[in-house]
Amino acid sequence: MNTTPSSPSLLSLRPFRPADDAPALRRWITTPAELVTWAGPSFTWPLDDAQLTAYAAEPDRHTWTAVSPDGRSLGHVSVRGTRLGRVLIAPEARGRGLGETLLTLAVARAFDELGLPSLDLGVYTHNTAAVRLYEKLGFRTEQVLQDVEEVDGVLWSALQMRLTAPER
């Protein structure tokens, strides 16, 4: 995978600042199901500042806010260890290719700056747009986990995916 962002002018990543960025995340995540889609069972509904502050302070966690050239928060992503996660684009910014830009920037940071040998992620199988994007970026399914989470009486399955860093 080429880790050079294809559209770097659309977004840049800066460190996540809970005091500044938590309100946007709470606006973007409006239901318990959206919270689980974003973070699995890691958070409790309703999402609050205390949870986000603790999350950002976790050891070995790198959290970033994706910002537009004019400084608006448009997305979020994190890496902990070799785990990519918490990928989210603001609802009003979806459908414009910003998810691909966000992930390309995050993957580049993980491989080029953090020196990670690979990245793993989990994604619920019903999140087909995310699955297609991860596959487009070179992630491959390593495992299918059936019925791993129950949300609103429905069992959700998940994929575990991996991307290996390019040869250096």
N, C-alpha and C. Protein backbone atom coordinates (compact mmCIF):
# COMPACT_ATOMS: atom_id res chain seq x y z
N MET A 1 0.83 -1.18 0.00
CA MET A 1 0.00 0.00 0.00
C MET A 1 0.87 1.23 0.00
N ASN A 2 0.52 2.18 -0.80
CA ASN A 2 1.19 3.48 -0.79
C ASN A 2 0.69 4.26 0.42
N THR A 3 1.58 4.65 1.32
CA THR A 3 1.15 5.36 2.52
C THR A 3 1.21 6.86 2.36
N THR A 4 1.44 7.33 1.15
CA THR A 4 1.40 8.77 0.89
C THR A 4 -0.05 9.18 0.66
N PRO A 5 -0.57 10.11 1.46
CA PRO A 5 -1.97 10.50 1.29
C PRO A 5 -2.25 10.97 -0.12
N SER A 6 -3.38 10.49 -0.68
CA SER A 6 -3.75 10.87 -2.04
C SER A 6 -4.31 12.29 -2.08
N SER A 7 -4.93 12.74 -1.02
CA SER A 7 -5.52 14.08 -0.97
C SER A 7 -5.17 14.75 0.35
N PRO A 8 -3.89 15.00 0.60
CA PRO A 8 -3.52 15.53 1.90
C PRO A 8 -4.12 16.89 2.21
N SER A 9 -4.50 17.64 1.19
CA SER A 9 -5.05 18.97 1.45
C SER A 9 -6.46 18.91 2.02
N LEU A 10 -7.13 17.75 1.90
CA LEU A 10 -8.50 17.63 2.41
C LEU A 10 -8.54 17.55 3.93
N LEU A 11 -7.58 16.89 4.51
CA LEU A 11 -7.54 16.67 5.95
C LEU A 11 -6.10 16.65 6.44
N SER A 12 -5.95 16.95 7.70
CA SER A 12 -4.69 16.69 8.38
C SER A 12 -5.04 16.11 9.74
N LEU A 13 -4.08 15.44 10.36
CA LEU A 13 -4.29 14.87 11.68
C LEU A 13 -3.56 15.70 12.72
N ARG A 14 -4.23 15.94 13.82
CA ARG A 14 -3.59 16.56 14.97
C ARG A 14 -3.96 15.73 16.19
N PRO A 15 -3.20 15.84 17.27
CA PRO A 15 -3.55 15.06 18.46
C PRO A 15 -4.97 15.37 18.94
N PHE A 16 -5.66 14.33 19.36
CA PHE A 16 -6.99 14.46 19.95
C PHE A 16 -6.87 15.17 21.28
N ARG A 17 -7.67 16.20 21.45
CA ARG A 17 -7.70 16.96 22.70
C ARG A 17 -9.10 16.82 23.29
N PRO A 18 -9.27 15.99 24.32
CA PRO A 18 -10.61 15.74 24.84
C PRO A 18 -11.39 17.01 25.16
N ALA A 19 -10.76 18.00 25.76
CA ALA A 19 -11.49 19.22 26.12
C ALA A 19 -12.05 19.92 24.89
N ASP A 20 -11.33 19.87 23.78
CA ASP A 20 -11.77 20.53 22.55
C ASP A 20 -12.61 19.63 21.65
N ASP A 21 -12.27 18.33 21.62
CA ASP A 21 -12.82 17.43 20.61
C ASP A 21 -13.96 16.54 21.09
N ALA A 22 -14.10 16.36 22.40
CA ALA A 22 -15.17 15.50 22.91
C ALA A 22 -16.56 15.96 22.48
N PRO A 23 -16.85 17.27 22.49
CA PRO A 23 -18.20 17.68 22.07
C PRO A 23 -18.54 17.23 20.64
N ALA A 24 -17.59 17.29 19.74
CA ALA A 24 -17.85 16.85 18.36
C ALA A 24 -18.14 15.36 18.33
N LEU A 25 -17.33 14.55 19.01
CA LEU A 25 -17.58 13.10 19.02
C LEU A 25 -18.97 12.79 19.58
N ARG A 26 -19.34 13.47 20.64
CA ARG A 26 -20.67 13.23 21.22
C ARG A 26 -21.78 13.64 20.24
N ARG A 27 -21.58 14.68 19.46
CA ARG A 27 -22.57 15.08 18.44
C ARG A 27 -22.67 14.04 17.33
N TRP A 28 -21.54 13.46 16.96
CA TRP A 28 -21.51 12.51 15.85
C TRP A 28 -22.09 11.16 16.23
N ILE A 29 -22.04 10.80 17.50
CA ILE A 29 -22.51 9.49 17.98
C ILE A 29 -23.82 9.73 18.73
N THR A 30 -24.94 9.44 18.06
CA THR A 30 -26.24 9.86 18.60
C THR A 30 -27.09 8.73 19.16
N THR A 31 -26.63 7.48 19.02
CA THR A 31 -27.40 6.35 19.54
C THR A 31 -26.46 5.33 20.17
N PRO A 32 -26.99 4.47 21.04
CA PRO A 32 -26.16 3.39 21.58
C PRO A 32 -25.58 2.50 20.47
N ALA A 33 -26.35 2.22 19.42
CA ALA A 33 -25.85 1.37 18.33
C ALA A 33 -24.69 2.04 17.61
N GLU A 34 -24.76 3.35 17.39
CA GLU A 34 -23.64 4.06 16.77
C GLU A 34 -22.40 4.00 17.66
N LEU A 35 -22.59 4.08 18.97
CA LEU A 35 -21.46 3.99 19.88
C LEU A 35 -20.78 2.63 19.78
N VAL A 36 -21.57 1.56 19.73
CA VAL A 36 -20.99 0.22 19.60
C VAL A 36 -20.32 0.06 18.24
N THR A 37 -20.93 0.58 17.18
CA THR A 37 -20.31 0.51 15.86
C THR A 37 -18.95 1.19 15.88
N TRP A 38 -18.83 2.32 16.56
CA TRP A 38 -17.59 3.07 16.62
C TRP A 38 -16.55 2.41 17.51
N ALA A 39 -16.97 1.88 18.66
CA ALA A 39 -15.99 1.48 19.67
C ALA A 39 -16.21 0.10 20.26
N GLY A 40 -17.10 -0.70 19.68
CA GLY A 40 -17.38 -1.98 20.31
C GLY A 40 -17.98 -1.74 21.69
N PRO A 41 -17.76 -2.66 22.61
CA PRO A 41 -18.34 -2.52 23.95
C PRO A 41 -17.47 -1.71 24.92
N SER A 42 -16.51 -0.98 24.42
CA SER A 42 -15.54 -0.28 25.27
C SER A 42 -16.11 0.88 26.07
N PHE A 43 -17.14 1.52 25.57
CA PHE A 43 -17.73 2.68 26.22
C PHE A 43 -19.16 2.36 26.63
N THR A 44 -19.69 3.17 27.55
CA THR A 44 -21.09 3.02 27.93
C THR A 44 -21.87 4.24 27.47
N TRP A 45 -23.14 3.99 27.17
CA TRP A 45 -24.03 5.05 26.74
C TRP A 45 -24.62 5.75 27.95
N PRO A 46 -24.71 7.06 27.94
CA PRO A 46 -24.25 7.98 26.90
C PRO A 46 -22.75 8.27 27.03
N LEU A 47 -22.13 8.49 25.90
CA LEU A 47 -20.71 8.84 25.86
C LEU A 47 -20.52 10.18 26.58
N ASP A 48 -19.50 10.26 27.43
CA ASP A 48 -19.28 11.51 28.16
C ASP A 48 -17.80 11.88 28.19
N ASP A 49 -17.53 13.08 28.68
CA ASP A 49 -16.16 13.60 28.71
C ASP A 49 -15.23 12.72 29.53
N ALA A 50 -15.69 12.19 30.65
CA ALA A 50 -14.83 11.37 31.50
C ALA A 50 -14.35 10.13 30.75
N GLN A 51 -15.25 9.47 30.02
CA GLN A 51 -14.85 8.29 29.25
C GLN A 51 -13.83 8.66 28.17
N LEU A 52 -14.07 9.76 27.48
CA LEU A 52 -13.16 10.16 26.40
C LEU A 52 -11.81 10.61 26.93
N THR A 53 -11.78 11.26 28.07
CA THR A 53 -10.51 11.67 28.67
C THR A 53 -9.71 10.45 29.09
N ALA A 54 -10.36 9.47 29.72
CA ALA A 54 -9.67 8.24 30.12
C ALA A 54 -9.16 7.48 28.90
N TYR A 55 -9.96 7.40 27.87
CA TYR A 55 -9.58 6.73 26.62
C TYR A 55 -8.33 7.37 26.02
N ALA A 56 -8.31 8.68 25.93
CA ALA A 56 -7.17 9.39 25.33
C ALA A 56 -5.90 9.22 26.14
N ALA A 57 -6.03 8.95 27.43
CA ALA A 57 -4.86 8.82 28.31
C ALA A 57 -4.35 7.39 28.41
N GLU A 58 -4.98 6.43 27.74
CA GLU A 58 -4.53 5.04 27.83
C GLU A 58 -3.09 4.91 27.35
N PRO A 59 -2.30 4.09 28.04
CA PRO A 59 -0.91 3.89 27.62
C PRO A 59 -0.85 3.34 26.19
N ASP A 60 0.12 3.81 25.45
CA ASP A 60 0.38 3.34 24.09
C ASP A 60 -0.76 3.66 23.13
N ARG A 61 -1.64 4.60 23.49
CA ARG A 61 -2.73 4.99 22.59
C ARG A 61 -2.35 6.31 21.92
N HIS A 62 -2.47 6.32 20.60
CA HIS A 62 -2.27 7.53 19.80
C HIS A 62 -3.64 7.88 19.23
N THR A 63 -4.16 9.03 19.60
CA THR A 63 -5.48 9.45 19.13
C THR A 63 -5.34 10.74 18.34
N TRP A 64 -6.06 10.79 17.23
CA TRP A 64 -5.97 11.96 16.36
C TRP A 64 -7.35 12.45 15.96
N THR A 65 -7.43 13.74 15.78
CA THR A 65 -8.61 14.38 15.20
C THR A 65 -8.24 14.79 13.79
N ALA A 66 -9.12 14.47 12.85
CA ALA A 66 -8.93 14.89 11.46
C ALA A 66 -9.56 16.26 11.31
N VAL A 67 -8.78 17.20 10.80
CA VAL A 67 -9.27 18.57 10.65
C VAL A 67 -9.17 19.01 9.19
N SER A 68 -10.12 19.84 8.81
CA SER A 68 -10.13 20.42 7.47
C SER A 68 -9.11 21.55 7.41
N PRO A 69 -8.79 22.04 6.22
CA PRO A 69 -7.84 23.15 6.12
C PRO A 69 -8.27 24.38 6.92
N ASP A 70 -9.58 24.56 7.11
CA ASP A 70 -10.03 25.72 7.90
C ASP A 70 -10.17 25.41 9.39
N GLY A 71 -9.69 24.22 9.81
CA GLY A 71 -9.64 23.89 11.23
C GLY A 71 -10.85 23.19 11.81
N ARG A 72 -11.84 22.86 10.98
CA ARG A 72 -13.02 22.15 11.49
C ARG A 72 -12.71 20.68 11.74
N SER A 73 -13.18 20.16 12.86
CA SER A 73 -13.03 18.73 13.16
C SER A 73 -13.98 17.94 12.27
N LEU A 74 -13.41 17.00 11.51
CA LEU A 74 -14.22 16.21 10.59
C LEU A 74 -14.09 14.71 10.81
N GLY A 75 -13.20 14.29 11.71
CA GLY A 75 -13.04 12.86 11.91
C GLY A 75 -12.18 12.54 13.10
N HIS A 76 -12.08 11.24 13.37
CA HIS A 76 -11.32 10.75 14.51
C HIS A 76 -10.78 9.37 14.16
N VAL A 77 -9.60 9.06 14.72
CA VAL A 77 -9.00 7.73 14.55
C VAL A 77 -7.98 7.53 15.66
N SER A 78 -7.73 6.28 16.01
CA SER A 78 -6.71 6.00 17.01
C SER A 78 -5.94 4.73 16.67
N VAL A 79 -4.77 4.63 17.26
CA VAL A 79 -3.95 3.43 17.18
C VAL A 79 -3.47 3.14 18.60
N ARG A 80 -3.65 1.89 19.02
CA ARG A 80 -3.10 1.45 20.31
C ARG A 80 -2.37 0.15 20.05
N GLY A 81 -1.08 0.15 20.35
CA GLY A 81 -0.27 -1.00 19.96
C GLY A 81 -0.30 -1.08 18.45
N THR A 82 -0.74 -2.22 17.94
CA THR A 82 -0.89 -2.37 16.48
C THR A 82 -2.36 -2.35 16.07
N ARG A 83 -3.22 -1.89 16.95
CA ARG A 83 -4.67 -1.90 16.70
C ARG A 83 -5.16 -0.54 16.22
N LEU A 84 -5.64 -0.51 14.99
CA LEU A 84 -6.28 0.68 14.44
C LEU A 84 -7.75 0.64 14.81
N GLY A 85 -8.29 1.76 15.25
CA GLY A 85 -9.70 1.74 15.63
C GLY A 85 -10.28 3.11 15.82
N ARG A 86 -11.52 3.10 16.28
CA ARG A 86 -12.25 4.32 16.60
C ARG A 86 -12.29 5.27 15.39
N VAL A 87 -12.50 4.69 14.22
CA VAL A 87 -12.53 5.47 12.98
C VAL A 87 -13.92 6.07 12.83
N LEU A 88 -13.97 7.38 12.63
CA LEU A 88 -15.26 8.04 12.49
C LEU A 88 -15.10 9.32 11.67
N ILE A 89 -16.01 9.51 10.75
CA ILE A 89 -16.11 10.75 9.98
C ILE A 89 -17.39 11.45 10.41
N ALA A 90 -17.33 12.76 10.56
CA ALA A 90 -18.51 13.54 10.93
C ALA A 90 -19.64 13.26 9.95
N PRO A 91 -20.86 13.08 10.43
CA PRO A 91 -21.98 12.76 9.53
C PRO A 91 -22.11 13.73 8.35
N GLU A 92 -21.90 15.01 8.59
CA GLU A 92 -22.07 15.99 7.52
C GLU A 92 -20.94 15.93 6.48
N ALA A 93 -19.88 15.19 6.77
CA ALA A 93 -18.73 15.11 5.86
C ALA A 93 -18.64 13.76 5.15
N ARG A 94 -19.57 12.86 5.41
CA ARG A 94 -19.51 11.52 4.81
C ARG A 94 -19.86 11.57 3.33
N GLY A 95 -19.34 10.57 2.61
CA GLY A 95 -19.65 10.46 1.19
C GLY A 95 -18.76 11.29 0.29
N ARG A 96 -17.68 11.85 0.85
CA ARG A 96 -16.78 12.70 0.06
C ARG A 96 -15.37 12.13 -0.04
N GLY A 97 -15.18 10.88 0.38
CA GLY A 97 -13.86 10.28 0.31
C GLY A 97 -12.94 10.63 1.47
N LEU A 98 -13.47 11.29 2.49
CA LEU A 98 -12.62 11.69 3.61
C LEU A 98 -12.21 10.51 4.47
N GLY A 99 -13.03 9.46 4.50
CA GLY A 99 -12.65 8.26 5.24
C GLY A 99 -11.36 7.66 4.69
N GLU A 100 -11.25 7.62 3.38
CA GLU A 100 -10.03 7.09 2.76
C GLU A 100 -8.84 7.98 3.09
N THR A 101 -9.03 9.29 3.04
CA THR A 101 -7.93 10.20 3.37
C THR A 101 -7.53 10.05 4.83
N LEU A 102 -8.52 10.00 5.72
CA LEU A 102 -8.24 9.83 7.15
C LEU A 102 -7.45 8.56 7.40
N LEU A 103 -7.90 7.45 6.83
CA LEU A 103 -7.21 6.18 7.05
C LEU A 103 -5.82 6.16 6.42
N THR A 104 -5.68 6.75 5.25
CA THR A 104 -4.36 6.81 4.62
C THR A 104 -3.38 7.58 5.49
N LEU A 105 -3.83 8.69 6.05
CA LEU A 105 -2.97 9.47 6.96
C LEU A 105 -2.63 8.68 8.21
N ALA A 106 -3.61 8.00 8.79
CA ALA A 106 -3.38 7.23 10.02
C ALA A 106 -2.44 6.05 9.77
N VAL A 107 -2.64 5.36 8.65
CA VAL A 107 -1.76 4.23 8.32
C VAL A 107 -0.33 4.73 8.10
N ALA A 108 -0.18 5.85 7.42
CA ALA A 108 1.15 6.42 7.21
C ALA A 108 1.82 6.74 8.55
N ARG A 109 1.08 7.33 9.47
CA ARG A 109 1.65 7.61 10.79
C ARG A 109 2.05 6.33 11.50
N ALA A 110 1.18 5.34 11.44
CA ALA A 110 1.46 4.08 12.14
C ALA A 110 2.71 3.40 11.60
N PHE A 111 2.85 3.36 10.29
CA PHE A 111 3.99 2.68 9.69
C PHE A 111 5.24 3.55 9.67
N ASP A 112 5.11 4.79 9.25
CA ASP A 112 6.28 5.64 9.03
C ASP A 112 6.79 6.30 10.31
N GLU A 113 5.88 6.77 11.16
CA GLU A 113 6.31 7.47 12.38
C GLU A 113 6.40 6.54 13.59
N LEU A 114 5.42 5.65 13.75
CA LEU A 114 5.45 4.75 14.90
C LEU A 114 6.26 3.49 14.62
N GLY A 115 6.55 3.22 13.34
CA GLY A 115 7.37 2.07 12.98
C GLY A 115 6.69 0.73 13.18
N LEU A 116 5.38 0.69 13.11
CA LEU A 116 4.66 -0.56 13.34
C LEU A 116 4.84 -1.51 12.16
N PRO A 117 4.94 -2.81 12.44
CA PRO A 117 5.11 -3.79 11.36
C PRO A 117 3.80 -4.14 10.67
N SER A 118 2.69 -3.92 11.36
CA SER A 118 1.37 -4.22 10.79
C SER A 118 0.32 -3.49 11.60
N LEU A 119 -0.88 -3.47 11.06
CA LEU A 119 -2.04 -2.91 11.76
C LEU A 119 -3.17 -3.92 11.71
N ASP A 120 -3.86 -4.06 12.82
CA ASP A 120 -5.04 -4.91 12.91
C ASP A 120 -6.24 -4.03 13.21
N LEU A 121 -7.41 -4.50 12.84
CA LEU A 121 -8.64 -3.80 13.18
C LEU A 121 -9.79 -4.78 13.25
N GLY A 122 -10.84 -4.36 13.91
CA GLY A 122 -12.08 -5.11 13.94
C GLY A 122 -13.18 -4.25 13.35
N VAL A 123 -14.05 -4.86 12.59
CA VAL A 123 -15.17 -4.12 11.98
C VAL A 123 -16.37 -5.06 11.95
N TYR A 124 -17.52 -4.52 12.29
CA TYR A 124 -18.74 -5.32 12.23
C TYR A 124 -19.11 -5.58 10.77
N THR A 125 -19.56 -6.80 10.51
CA THR A 125 -19.80 -7.21 9.12
C THR A 125 -20.89 -6.41 8.44
N HIS A 126 -21.84 -5.87 9.19
CA HIS A 126 -22.91 -5.08 8.56
C HIS A 126 -22.43 -3.69 8.13
N ASN A 127 -21.24 -3.30 8.56
CA ASN A 127 -20.67 -2.00 8.19
C ASN A 127 -19.94 -2.17 6.85
N THR A 128 -20.72 -2.43 5.82
CA THR A 128 -20.14 -2.83 4.53
C THR A 128 -19.31 -1.73 3.88
N ALA A 129 -19.68 -0.48 4.06
CA ALA A 129 -18.88 0.61 3.47
C ALA A 129 -17.49 0.62 4.09
N ALA A 130 -17.40 0.42 5.39
CA ALA A 130 -16.10 0.38 6.06
C ALA A 130 -15.30 -0.82 5.59
N VAL A 131 -15.94 -1.98 5.51
CA VAL A 131 -15.24 -3.19 5.06
C VAL A 131 -14.66 -2.97 3.66
N ARG A 132 -15.46 -2.41 2.75
CA ARG A 132 -14.97 -2.15 1.38
C ARG A 132 -13.78 -1.19 1.39
N LEU A 133 -13.85 -0.15 2.22
CA LEU A 133 -12.75 0.80 2.28
C LEU A 133 -11.49 0.14 2.83
N TYR A 134 -11.62 -0.62 3.90
CA TYR A 134 -10.44 -1.31 4.45
C TYR A 134 -9.82 -2.23 3.40
N GLU A 135 -10.66 -2.97 2.67
CA GLU A 135 -10.14 -3.84 1.62
C GLU A 135 -9.45 -3.04 0.53
N LYS A 136 -10.03 -1.91 0.15
CA LYS A 136 -9.42 -1.05 -0.87
C LYS A 136 -8.03 -0.59 -0.44
N LEU A 137 -7.87 -0.35 0.85
CA LEU A 137 -6.58 0.11 1.37
C LEU A 137 -5.59 -1.03 1.62
N GLY A 138 -6.02 -2.26 1.36
CA GLY A 138 -5.10 -3.39 1.47
C GLY A 138 -5.29 -4.27 2.68
N PHE A 139 -6.21 -3.96 3.56
CA PHE A 139 -6.48 -4.82 4.71
C PHE A 139 -7.11 -6.12 4.22
N ARG A 140 -6.72 -7.22 4.84
CA ARG A 140 -7.25 -8.54 4.49
C ARG A 140 -7.87 -9.17 5.72
N THR A 141 -8.97 -9.90 5.48
CA THR A 141 -9.66 -10.57 6.58
C THR A 141 -8.81 -11.72 7.09
N GLU A 142 -8.59 -11.72 8.40
CA GLU A 142 -7.85 -12.79 9.07
C GLU A 142 -8.79 -13.77 9.75
N GLN A 143 -9.94 -13.25 10.21
CA GLN A 143 -10.85 -14.09 10.99
C GLN A 143 -12.26 -13.49 10.95
N VAL A 144 -13.25 -14.36 10.93
CA VAL A 144 -14.65 -13.95 11.05
C VAL A 144 -15.14 -14.41 12.41
N LEU A 145 -15.66 -13.49 13.19
CA LEU A 145 -16.18 -13.80 14.52
C LEU A 145 -17.70 -13.68 14.49
N GLN A 146 -18.37 -14.79 14.67
CA GLN A 146 -19.83 -14.81 14.58
C GLN A 146 -20.47 -14.37 15.90
N ASP A 147 -21.49 -13.55 15.80
CA ASP A 147 -22.35 -13.20 16.94
C ASP A 147 -21.56 -12.73 18.16
N VAL A 148 -20.70 -11.73 17.96
CA VAL A 148 -19.83 -11.27 19.04
C VAL A 148 -20.45 -10.18 19.91
N GLU A 149 -21.50 -9.53 19.42
CA GLU A 149 -22.10 -8.42 20.16
C GLU A 149 -23.61 -8.42 19.90
N GLU A 150 -24.37 -8.20 20.97
CA GLU A 150 -25.82 -8.07 20.80
C GLU A 150 -26.20 -6.61 20.99
N VAL A 151 -26.84 -6.05 19.98
CA VAL A 151 -27.26 -4.65 20.01
C VAL A 151 -28.73 -4.60 19.62
N ASP A 152 -29.53 -4.04 20.49
CA ASP A 152 -30.97 -3.92 20.24
C ASP A 152 -31.60 -5.26 19.86
N GLY A 153 -31.15 -6.33 20.52
CA GLY A 153 -31.71 -7.64 20.28
C GLY A 153 -31.20 -8.35 19.05
N VAL A 154 -30.24 -7.76 18.36
CA VAL A 154 -29.67 -8.35 17.14
C VAL A 154 -28.22 -8.71 17.40
N LEU A 155 -27.83 -9.92 17.00
CA LEU A 155 -26.44 -10.34 17.14
C LEU A 155 -25.62 -9.82 15.97
N TRP A 156 -24.49 -9.20 16.29
CA TRP A 156 -23.59 -8.67 15.27
C TRP A 156 -22.36 -9.56 15.18
N SER A 157 -21.90 -9.81 13.96
CA SER A 157 -20.65 -10.52 13.71
C SER A 157 -19.59 -9.51 13.31
N ALA A 158 -18.33 -9.93 13.40
CA ALA A 158 -17.23 -9.00 13.12
C ALA A 158 -16.15 -9.68 12.30
N LEU A 159 -15.38 -8.86 11.61
CA LEU A 159 -14.18 -9.30 10.91
C LEU A 159 -12.97 -8.77 11.65
N GLN A 160 -11.94 -9.59 11.74
CA GLN A 160 -10.63 -9.13 12.18
C GLN A 160 -9.78 -9.02 10.92
N MET A 161 -9.23 -7.84 10.69
CA MET A 161 -8.49 -7.58 9.45
C MET A 161 -7.07 -7.13 9.78
N ARG A 162 -6.17 -7.31 8.82
CA ARG A 162 -4.76 -6.94 9.02
C ARG A 162 -4.17 -6.34 7.75
N LEU A 163 -3.29 -5.37 7.97
CA LEU A 163 -2.49 -4.77 6.90
C LEU A 163 -1.04 -4.82 7.33
N THR A 164 -0.18 -5.35 6.49
CA THR A 164 1.24 -5.43 6.79
C THR A 164 1.94 -4.22 6.19
N ALA A 165 2.89 -3.67 6.94
CA ALA A 165 3.64 -2.51 6.47
C ALA A 165 4.44 -2.87 5.22
N PRO A 166 4.62 -1.91 4.33
CA PRO A 166 5.45 -2.17 3.16
C PRO A 166 6.90 -2.37 3.57
N GLU A 167 7.64 -3.04 2.72
CA GLU A 167 9.07 -3.23 2.99
C GLU A 167 9.75 -1.88 3.09
N ARG A 168 10.64 -1.76 4.05
CA ARG A 168 11.36 -0.49 4.24
C ARG A 168 12.72 -0.55 3.61
